[in-house]
Amino acid sequence: MAITSKSSLKDVLQSEEACKIIEEYFPGFMERSAEFGPVMGMKIGSLLKFPQVGLDRATVKELCKKLDELGE
């Protein structure tokens, strides 16, 4: 399955490449994956836009671009 910014968090967590990209921006991301239950079905691109994530718009766009490149 190709991973993109439109992939669900559940699918992203199954991709080693995608997790490495996310770890660049969120060190310890995988260590906290047990907490993600309620949002596993949401698209990663949508989740990144939540203010609680703490990323500015340009950084979200950059991260989503890297994830989208995995799907090419």
N, C-alpha and C. Protein backbone atom coordinates (compact mmCIF):
# COMPACT_ATOMS: atom_id res chain seq x y z
N MET A 1 0.84 -1.18 0.00
CA MET A 1 0.00 0.00 0.00
C MET A 1 0.88 1.24 0.00
N ALA A 2 0.59 2.17 -0.87
CA ALA A 2 1.33 3.42 -0.95
C ALA A 2 0.86 4.36 0.16
N ILE A 3 1.81 4.94 0.85
CA ILE A 3 1.51 5.87 1.93
C ILE A 3 1.58 7.29 1.39
N THR A 4 0.59 8.10 1.74
CA THR A 4 0.57 9.52 1.40
C THR A 4 0.02 10.29 2.61
N SER A 5 -0.09 11.58 2.46
CA SER A 5 -0.65 12.39 3.54
C SER A 5 -2.14 12.13 3.71
N LYS A 6 -2.74 11.42 2.77
CA LYS A 6 -4.16 11.07 2.85
C LYS A 6 -4.38 9.69 3.46
N SER A 7 -3.30 9.04 3.84
CA SER A 7 -3.39 7.71 4.47
C SER A 7 -3.83 7.86 5.92
N SER A 8 -4.50 6.82 6.42
CA SER A 8 -4.91 6.84 7.82
C SER A 8 -3.68 6.67 8.71
N LEU A 9 -3.79 7.13 9.93
CA LEU A 9 -2.70 6.97 10.88
C LEU A 9 -2.37 5.49 11.05
N LYS A 10 -3.37 4.65 11.03
CA LYS A 10 -3.16 3.20 11.17
C LYS A 10 -2.24 2.69 10.06
N ASP A 11 -2.49 3.12 8.82
CA ASP A 11 -1.65 2.69 7.70
C ASP A 11 -0.25 3.28 7.80
N VAL A 12 -0.16 4.52 8.22
CA VAL A 12 1.14 5.17 8.36
C VAL A 12 2.00 4.42 9.37
N LEU A 13 1.39 4.01 10.46
CA LEU A 13 2.15 3.29 11.50
C LEU A 13 2.68 1.95 11.02
N GLN A 14 2.12 1.43 9.95
CA GLN A 14 2.58 0.15 9.40
C GLN A 14 3.72 0.33 8.40
N SER A 15 4.06 1.58 8.09
CA SER A 15 5.12 1.86 7.13
C SER A 15 6.36 2.36 7.87
N GLU A 16 7.42 1.60 7.78
CA GLU A 16 8.66 1.98 8.43
C GLU A 16 9.20 3.29 7.88
N GLU A 17 9.10 3.48 6.56
CA GLU A 17 9.60 4.71 5.93
C GLU A 17 8.82 5.92 6.42
N ALA A 18 7.50 5.80 6.49
CA ALA A 18 6.66 6.91 6.93
C ALA A 18 6.96 7.25 8.39
N CYS A 19 7.13 6.24 9.21
CA CYS A 19 7.42 6.49 10.63
C CYS A 19 8.76 7.20 10.80
N LYS A 20 9.73 6.88 9.98
CA LYS A 20 11.02 7.56 10.05
C LYS A 20 10.87 9.04 9.71
N ILE A 21 10.05 9.35 8.71
CA ILE A 21 9.81 10.74 8.34
C ILE A 21 9.15 11.48 9.50
N ILE A 22 8.14 10.88 10.08
CA ILE A 22 7.43 11.53 11.18
C ILE A 22 8.34 11.69 12.39
N GLU A 23 9.19 10.71 12.65
CA GLU A 23 10.13 10.79 13.78
C GLU A 23 11.09 11.98 13.63
N GLU A 24 11.37 12.40 12.39
CA GLU A 24 12.22 13.58 12.19
C GLU A 24 11.60 14.81 12.83
N TYR A 25 10.28 14.89 12.77
CA TYR A 25 9.55 16.05 13.28
C TYR A 25 9.07 15.85 14.71
N PHE A 26 8.83 14.59 15.06
CA PHE A 26 8.32 14.23 16.39
C PHE A 26 9.13 13.09 16.98
N PRO A 27 10.31 13.40 17.53
CA PRO A 27 11.09 12.34 18.16
C PRO A 27 10.25 11.64 19.25
N GLY A 28 10.29 10.33 19.24
CA GLY A 28 9.52 9.55 20.21
C GLY A 28 8.11 9.22 19.76
N PHE A 29 7.78 9.56 18.53
CA PHE A 29 6.44 9.33 17.98
C PHE A 29 6.01 7.88 18.14
N MET A 30 6.85 6.96 17.76
CA MET A 30 6.49 5.54 17.81
C MET A 30 6.36 5.04 19.25
N GLU A 31 7.09 5.63 20.16
CA GLU A 31 7.01 5.22 21.57
C GLU A 31 5.64 5.55 22.15
N ARG A 32 4.95 6.52 21.56
CA ARG A 32 3.64 6.94 22.07
C ARG A 32 2.49 6.38 21.25
N SER A 33 2.75 5.48 20.34
CA SER A 33 1.71 5.00 19.43
C SER A 33 0.54 4.32 20.15
N ALA A 34 0.74 3.81 21.34
CA ALA A 34 -0.36 3.18 22.08
C ALA A 34 -1.44 4.19 22.45
N GLU A 35 -1.10 5.47 22.47
CA GLU A 35 -2.04 6.53 22.83
C GLU A 35 -2.94 6.95 21.66
N PHE A 36 -2.67 6.45 20.48
CA PHE A 36 -3.33 6.94 19.27
C PHE A 36 -4.65 6.27 18.93
N GLY A 37 -5.10 5.34 19.74
CA GLY A 37 -6.31 4.57 19.45
C GLY A 37 -7.48 5.35 18.90
N PRO A 38 -7.91 6.43 19.54
CA PRO A 38 -9.10 7.15 19.08
C PRO A 38 -8.96 7.81 17.71
N VAL A 39 -7.74 8.02 17.23
CA VAL A 39 -7.56 8.73 15.96
C VAL A 39 -6.93 7.86 14.86
N MET A 40 -6.86 6.57 15.08
CA MET A 40 -6.20 5.67 14.13
C MET A 40 -6.82 5.72 12.73
N GLY A 41 -8.10 6.00 12.62
CA GLY A 41 -8.75 6.03 11.32
C GLY A 41 -8.67 7.36 10.60
N MET A 42 -8.14 8.38 11.28
CA MET A 42 -8.05 9.71 10.67
C MET A 42 -6.86 9.81 9.72
N LYS A 43 -7.00 10.67 8.72
CA LYS A 43 -5.90 10.89 7.78
C LYS A 43 -4.79 11.66 8.48
N ILE A 44 -3.55 11.23 8.23
CA ILE A 44 -2.40 11.85 8.88
C ILE A 44 -2.31 13.33 8.53
N GLY A 45 -2.63 13.69 7.29
CA GLY A 45 -2.58 15.10 6.88
C GLY A 45 -3.55 15.95 7.67
N SER A 46 -4.70 15.42 8.00
CA SER A 46 -5.68 16.14 8.81
C SER A 46 -5.21 16.26 10.26
N LEU A 47 -4.66 15.19 10.77
CA LEU A 47 -4.18 15.21 12.16
C LEU A 47 -3.07 16.24 12.37
N LEU A 48 -2.21 16.37 11.39
CA LEU A 48 -1.09 17.29 11.52
C LEU A 48 -1.52 18.75 11.60
N LYS A 49 -2.74 19.04 11.15
CA LYS A 49 -3.24 20.41 11.14
C LYS A 49 -3.84 20.84 12.48
N PHE A 50 -4.03 19.91 13.39
CA PHE A 50 -4.57 20.25 14.70
C PHE A 50 -3.58 21.16 15.43
N PRO A 51 -4.07 22.22 16.08
CA PRO A 51 -3.15 23.12 16.78
C PRO A 51 -2.36 22.44 17.90
N GLN A 52 -2.91 21.39 18.46
CA GLN A 52 -2.22 20.67 19.54
C GLN A 52 -0.92 20.03 19.07
N VAL A 53 -0.83 19.80 17.76
CA VAL A 53 0.38 19.19 17.20
C VAL A 53 1.55 20.16 17.31
N GLY A 54 1.27 21.44 17.17
CA GLY A 54 2.31 22.44 17.37
C GLY A 54 3.19 22.72 16.16
N LEU A 55 2.73 22.35 14.97
CA LEU A 55 3.49 22.63 13.75
C LEU A 55 2.88 23.80 13.00
N ASP A 56 3.74 24.64 12.43
CA ASP A 56 3.21 25.72 11.61
C ASP A 56 2.82 25.17 10.24
N ARG A 57 2.11 25.97 9.50
CA ARG A 57 1.56 25.54 8.21
C ARG A 57 2.64 25.07 7.24
N ALA A 58 3.75 25.79 7.20
CA ALA A 58 4.84 25.43 6.28
C ALA A 58 5.44 24.07 6.63
N THR A 59 5.58 23.79 7.91
CA THR A 59 6.15 22.51 8.34
C THR A 59 5.19 21.36 8.04
N VAL A 60 3.91 21.59 8.24
CA VAL A 60 2.91 20.56 7.91
C VAL A 60 2.98 20.26 6.42
N LYS A 61 3.07 21.30 5.61
CA LYS A 61 3.14 21.13 4.16
C LYS A 61 4.39 20.34 3.77
N GLU A 62 5.50 20.64 4.39
CA GLU A 62 6.76 19.94 4.13
C GLU A 62 6.67 18.46 4.50
N LEU A 63 6.12 18.19 5.68
CA LEU A 63 5.98 16.81 6.14
C LEU A 63 5.03 16.04 5.22
N CYS A 64 3.91 16.66 4.85
CA CYS A 64 2.95 16.00 3.95
C CYS A 64 3.58 15.73 2.59
N LYS A 65 4.41 16.64 2.11
CA LYS A 65 5.09 16.45 0.82
C LYS A 65 5.99 15.21 0.89
N LYS A 66 6.73 15.09 1.99
CA LYS A 66 7.60 13.91 2.14
C LYS A 66 6.79 12.62 2.18
N LEU A 67 5.65 12.64 2.86
CA LEU A 67 4.81 11.45 2.90
C LEU A 67 4.23 11.15 1.52
N ASP A 68 3.82 12.19 0.81
CA ASP A 68 3.26 12.01 -0.54
C ASP A 68 4.30 11.42 -1.50
N GLU A 69 5.56 11.77 -1.31
CA GLU A 69 6.63 11.22 -2.16
C GLU A 69 6.77 9.71 -1.98
N LEU A 70 6.38 9.19 -0.82
CA LEU A 70 6.42 7.74 -0.60
C LEU A 70 5.42 7.04 -1.52
N GLY A 71 4.34 7.72 -1.87
CA GLY A 71 3.31 7.12 -2.70
C GLY A 71 3.59 7.18 -4.18
N GLU A 72 4.66 7.85 -4.55
CA GLU A 72 4.97 7.98 -5.99
C GLU A 72 5.71 6.79 -6.52
